[in-house]
Amino acid sequence: MSSKEEFAPKLQSIMSEIAVCEGLVLAKNSGEVIIGQTLTDMDHNSIAKSISKIFKTKIDALNKGKMAEMTLGLDEGYLLAVKNKDFMVLGFLGTDGKSSVGLLLRQLKNLMK
């Protein structure tokens, strides 16, 4: 089973469960998009490549290891990202999704186990 076939139904389930989720993107850690589903037209490849670069950022002074997840608050919503050894999943919420940040983050973490 390919990663696309494995993850597609799981992503759809998350989108269905969290009504304010505006989209999900599954990509390789290199930034190569495997699946992208968003309510509005977005450049999934550009977003995934940018997040891939952020994940590669080292914060050695913390002595806490490599970056594994992030939550970014933006002017018009939120971007959540979680990665594992091979893949990363990105989730998008609008301004009305603030109360769902924790729920979506938990779902993305479970997906990346």
Protein backbone atom coordinates (compact mmCIF):
# COMPACT_ATOMS: atom_id res chain seq x y z
CA MET A 1 0.00 0.00 0.00
CA SER A 2 1.38 3.41 -0.95
CA SER A 3 1.57 6.27 1.51
CA LYS A 4 -1.11 8.09 -0.48
CA GLU A 5 -3.53 5.15 -0.23
CA GLU A 6 -2.73 4.72 3.46
CA PHE A 7 -3.09 8.36 4.49
CA ALA A 8 -5.91 9.64 2.22
CA PRO A 9 -8.80 8.18 4.26
CA LYS A 10 -7.19 9.27 7.53
CA LEU A 11 -6.83 12.85 6.28
CA GLN A 12 -10.42 12.85 5.07
CA SER A 13 -11.55 11.64 8.49
CA ILE A 14 -9.72 14.51 10.21
CA MET A 15 -11.26 17.03 7.81
CA SER A 16 -14.71 15.60 8.57
CA GLU A 17 -14.20 15.56 12.35
CA ILE A 18 -12.84 19.10 12.65
CA ALA A 19 -15.29 21.32 10.80
CA VAL A 20 -13.08 24.43 11.02
CA CYS A 21 -10.09 22.66 9.44
CA GLU A 22 -9.44 24.47 6.16
CA GLY A 23 -7.06 21.90 4.77
CA LEU A 24 -4.41 19.24 5.22
CA VAL A 25 -1.26 18.50 3.28
CA LEU A 26 0.84 15.35 3.55
CA ALA A 27 4.38 15.66 2.24
CA LYS A 28 7.72 13.97 2.44
CA ASN A 29 10.12 15.70 4.81
CA SER A 30 11.88 17.06 1.72
CA GLY A 31 8.75 19.10 0.95
CA GLU A 32 7.46 16.90 -1.89
CA VAL A 33 3.65 16.89 -1.62
CA ILE A 34 1.91 13.53 -1.64
CA ILE A 35 -1.67 14.64 -0.90
CA GLY A 36 -3.08 18.12 -0.56
CA GLN A 37 -6.66 19.06 0.17
CA THR A 38 -7.60 22.63 1.05
CA LEU A 39 -10.86 24.55 0.94
CA THR A 40 -9.24 27.42 -0.95
CA ASP A 41 -6.65 27.37 -3.70
CA MET A 42 -3.19 27.24 -2.11
CA ASP A 43 0.26 26.43 -3.46
CA HIS A 44 0.75 23.21 -1.48
CA ASN A 45 4.25 22.65 -2.88
CA SER A 46 5.50 26.07 -1.87
CA ILE A 47 4.02 25.78 1.61
CA ALA A 48 5.45 22.28 2.17
CA LYS A 49 8.92 23.34 0.99
CA SER A 50 8.88 26.35 3.33
CA ILE A 51 7.84 24.24 6.32
CA SER A 52 10.46 21.64 5.40
CA LYS A 53 13.12 24.36 5.66
CA ILE A 54 11.80 25.47 9.05
CA PHE A 55 11.92 21.88 10.34
CA LYS A 56 15.59 21.73 9.35
CA THR A 57 16.39 24.76 11.51
CA LYS A 58 18.59 23.79 14.42
CA ILE A 59 18.13 25.35 17.81
CA ASP A 60 21.16 23.77 19.44
CA ALA A 61 21.27 26.19 22.37
CA LEU A 62 18.07 24.63 23.76
CA ASN A 63 19.59 21.15 24.00
CA LYS A 64 16.14 19.65 23.35
CA GLY A 65 16.79 17.76 20.11
CA LYS A 66 15.34 18.24 16.65
CA MET A 67 12.12 20.07 15.89
CA ALA A 68 9.21 17.60 15.64
CA GLU A 69 6.15 19.85 15.51
CA MET A 70 5.15 23.48 15.27
CA THR A 71 2.12 25.70 15.61
CA LEU A 72 2.25 29.04 13.86
CA GLY A 73 -0.22 31.78 14.62
CA LEU A 74 -0.74 33.89 11.52
CA ASP A 75 -2.68 37.09 10.84
CA GLU A 76 -5.58 35.12 9.40
CA GLY A 77 -5.38 31.72 11.05
CA TYR A 78 -3.07 28.95 12.12
CA LEU A 79 -0.67 26.50 10.52
CA LEU A 80 0.16 23.32 12.41
CA ALA A 81 2.86 20.89 11.31
CA VAL A 82 3.98 17.53 12.69
CA LYS A 83 6.65 15.27 11.26
CA ASN A 84 7.98 11.80 11.77
CA LYS A 85 10.99 10.07 10.25
CA ASP A 86 9.69 10.20 6.65
CA PHE A 87 6.66 12.48 6.39
CA MET A 88 5.14 15.69 7.63
CA VAL A 89 1.52 16.69 7.78
CA LEU A 90 0.34 20.28 7.71
CA GLY A 91 -3.01 21.49 8.96
CA PHE A 92 -4.65 24.85 8.34
CA LEU A 93 -7.22 26.66 10.47
CA GLY A 94 -8.82 30.05 9.91
CA THR A 95 -9.25 32.74 12.52
CA ASP A 96 -12.35 30.93 13.79
CA GLY A 97 -10.26 27.82 14.52
CA LYS A 98 -8.37 29.04 17.58
CA SER A 99 -10.29 26.76 19.94
CA SER A 100 -9.51 23.77 17.68
CA VAL A 101 -5.71 24.18 17.57
CA GLY A 102 -5.14 21.59 20.32
CA LEU A 103 -7.59 19.11 18.83
CA LEU A 104 -6.05 19.33 15.37
CA LEU A 105 -2.54 19.08 16.77
CA ARG A 106 -3.47 15.89 18.64
CA GLN A 107 -4.99 14.41 15.47
CA LEU A 108 -1.88 15.23 13.44
CA LYS A 109 0.40 13.73 16.10
CA ASN A 110 -1.65 10.51 16.11
CA LEU A 111 -1.40 10.37 12.34
CA MET A 112 2.39 10.67 12.43
CA LYS A 113 2.92 7.87 15.01
